[in-house]
Amino acid sequence: MKAKETRQMSEQELNNKLLELKTELFNLRFQLATGQLDNPMRIKAVRKDIARVKTIVRERELGIGKEV
């Protein structure tokens, strides 16, 4: 997921995406603990996506950055 794509989402879509990513991260951590995780780099990617979404939400709260 790119920042440009994320900036085009509405507030509701961002909240839904954040919830989806947090659920995915939980599942990945569970798989890691049980030894079933195939790609451990996916955890890092999901964490970065969560940070990206949170950053865009916060920018909108503060009125910073481009509004689409």
C-alpha atoms as a PDB file:
ATOM      1  CA  MET A   1       0.000   0.000   0.000  1.00  0.00           C
ATOM      2  CA  LYS A   2       1.388   3.367  -1.025  1.00  0.00           C
ATOM      3  CA  ALA A   3       0.863   6.635   0.832  1.00  0.00           C
ATOM      4  CA  LYS A   4      -0.689   8.164  -2.278  1.00  0.00           C
ATOM      5  CA  GLU A   5      -3.345   5.442  -2.385  1.00  0.00           C
ATOM      6  CA  THR A   6      -3.987   5.831   1.322  1.00  0.00           C
ATOM      7  CA  ARG A   7      -4.440   9.608   1.083  1.00  0.00           C
ATOM      8  CA  GLN A   8      -7.265   9.081  -1.413  1.00  0.00           C
ATOM      9  CA  MET A   9      -9.318   7.092   1.104  1.00  0.00           C
ATOM     10  CA  SER A  10     -12.110   8.613   3.155  1.00  0.00           C
ATOM     11  CA  GLU A  11     -12.033   8.748   6.960  1.00  0.00           C
ATOM     12  CA  GLN A  12     -14.296   5.707   7.243  1.00  0.00           C
ATOM     13  CA  GLU A  13     -12.175   3.720   4.798  1.00  0.00           C
ATOM     14  CA  LEU A  14      -9.035   4.627   6.757  1.00  0.00           C
ATOM     15  CA  ASN A  15     -10.601   3.474  10.020  1.00  0.00           C
ATOM     16  CA  ASN A  16     -11.707   0.205   8.427  1.00  0.00           C
ATOM     17  CA  LYS A  17      -8.250  -0.323   6.906  1.00  0.00           C
ATOM     18  CA  LEU A  18      -6.608   0.334  10.275  1.00  0.00           C
ATOM     19  CA  LEU A  19      -8.844  -2.219  11.979  1.00  0.00           C
ATOM     20  CA  GLU A  20      -8.123  -4.749   9.218  1.00  0.00           C
ATOM     21  CA  LEU A  21      -4.362  -4.210   9.499  1.00  0.00           C
ATOM     22  CA  LYS A  22      -4.395  -4.560  13.288  1.00  0.00           C
ATOM     23  CA  THR A  23      -6.305  -7.832  12.958  1.00  0.00           C
ATOM     24  CA  GLU A  24      -3.811  -9.076  10.380  1.00  0.00           C
ATOM     25  CA  LEU A  25      -0.898  -8.134  12.652  1.00  0.00           C
ATOM     26  CA  PHE A  26      -2.493 -10.028  15.532  1.00  0.00           C
ATOM     27  CA  ASN A  27      -2.892 -13.111  13.349  1.00  0.00           C
ATOM     28  CA  LEU A  28       0.697 -12.851  12.097  1.00  0.00           C
ATOM     29  CA  ARG A  29       2.028 -12.605  15.647  1.00  0.00           C
ATOM     30  CA  PHE A  30      -0.048 -15.615  16.622  1.00  0.00           C
ATOM     31  CA  GLN A  31       1.360 -17.586  13.674  1.00  0.00           C
ATOM     32  CA  LEU A  32       4.878 -16.520  14.649  1.00  0.00           C
ATOM     33  CA  ALA A  33       4.392 -17.751  18.205  1.00  0.00           C
ATOM     34  CA  THR A  34       3.076 -21.114  17.025  1.00  0.00           C
ATOM     35  CA  GLY A  35       5.781 -21.545  14.388  1.00  0.00           C
ATOM     36  CA  GLN A  36       3.413 -21.419  11.413  1.00  0.00           C
ATOM     37  CA  LEU A  37       4.534 -18.103   9.912  1.00  0.00           C
ATOM     38  CA  ASP A  38       5.925 -18.484   6.385  1.00  0.00           C
ATOM     39  CA  ASN A  39       7.067 -14.906   5.730  1.00  0.00           C
ATOM     40  CA  PRO A  40       8.276 -13.044   8.832  1.00  0.00           C
ATOM     41  CA  MET A  41       8.900  -9.887   6.784  1.00  0.00           C
ATOM     42  CA  ARG A  42       5.130  -9.536   6.429  1.00  0.00           C
ATOM     43  CA  ILE A  43       4.980  -8.408  10.075  1.00  0.00           C
ATOM     44  CA  LYS A  44       7.278  -5.487   9.284  1.00  0.00           C
ATOM     45  CA  ALA A  45       5.241  -4.520   6.220  1.00  0.00           C
ATOM     46  CA  VAL A  46       1.965  -4.582   8.153  1.00  0.00           C
ATOM     47  CA  ARG A  47       3.450  -2.477  10.960  1.00  0.00           C
ATOM     48  CA  LYS A  48       4.601   0.107   8.422  1.00  0.00           C
ATOM     49  CA  ASP A  49       1.159   0.163   6.808  1.00  0.00           C
ATOM     50  CA  ILE A  50      -0.427   0.758  10.230  1.00  0.00           C
ATOM     51  CA  ALA A  51       1.978   3.638  10.872  1.00  0.00           C
ATOM     52  CA  ARG A  52       1.237   5.077   7.435  1.00  0.00           C
ATOM     53  CA  VAL A  53      -2.530   5.034   8.030  1.00  0.00           C
ATOM     54  CA  LYS A  54      -2.182   6.533  11.524  1.00  0.00           C
ATOM     55  CA  THR A  55       0.055   9.297  10.157  1.00  0.00           C
ATOM     56  CA  ILE A  56      -2.466  10.258   7.497  1.00  0.00           C
ATOM     57  CA  VAL A  57      -5.326  10.247  10.018  1.00  0.00           C
ATOM     58  CA  ARG A  58      -3.308  12.509  12.322  1.00  0.00           C
ATOM     59  CA  GLU A  59      -2.372  14.853   9.476  1.00  0.00           C
ATOM     60  CA  ARG A  60      -6.035  15.263   8.658  1.00  0.00           C
ATOM     61  CA  GLU A  61      -6.848  15.988  12.301  1.00  0.00           C
ATOM     62  CA  LEU A  62      -4.226  18.737  12.354  1.00  0.00           C
ATOM     63  CA  GLY A  63      -5.028  20.014   8.873  1.00  0.00           C
ATOM     64  CA  ILE A  64      -1.524  19.303   7.580  1.00  0.00           C
ATOM     65  CA  GLY A  65      -0.636  18.106   4.114  1.00  0.00           C
ATOM     66  CA  LYS A  66      -2.623  17.775   0.941  1.00  0.00           C
ATOM     67  CA  GLU A  67      -6.349  17.308   1.136  1.00  0.00           C
ATOM     68  CA  VAL A  68      -7.841  15.262  -1.655  1.00  0.00           C
END
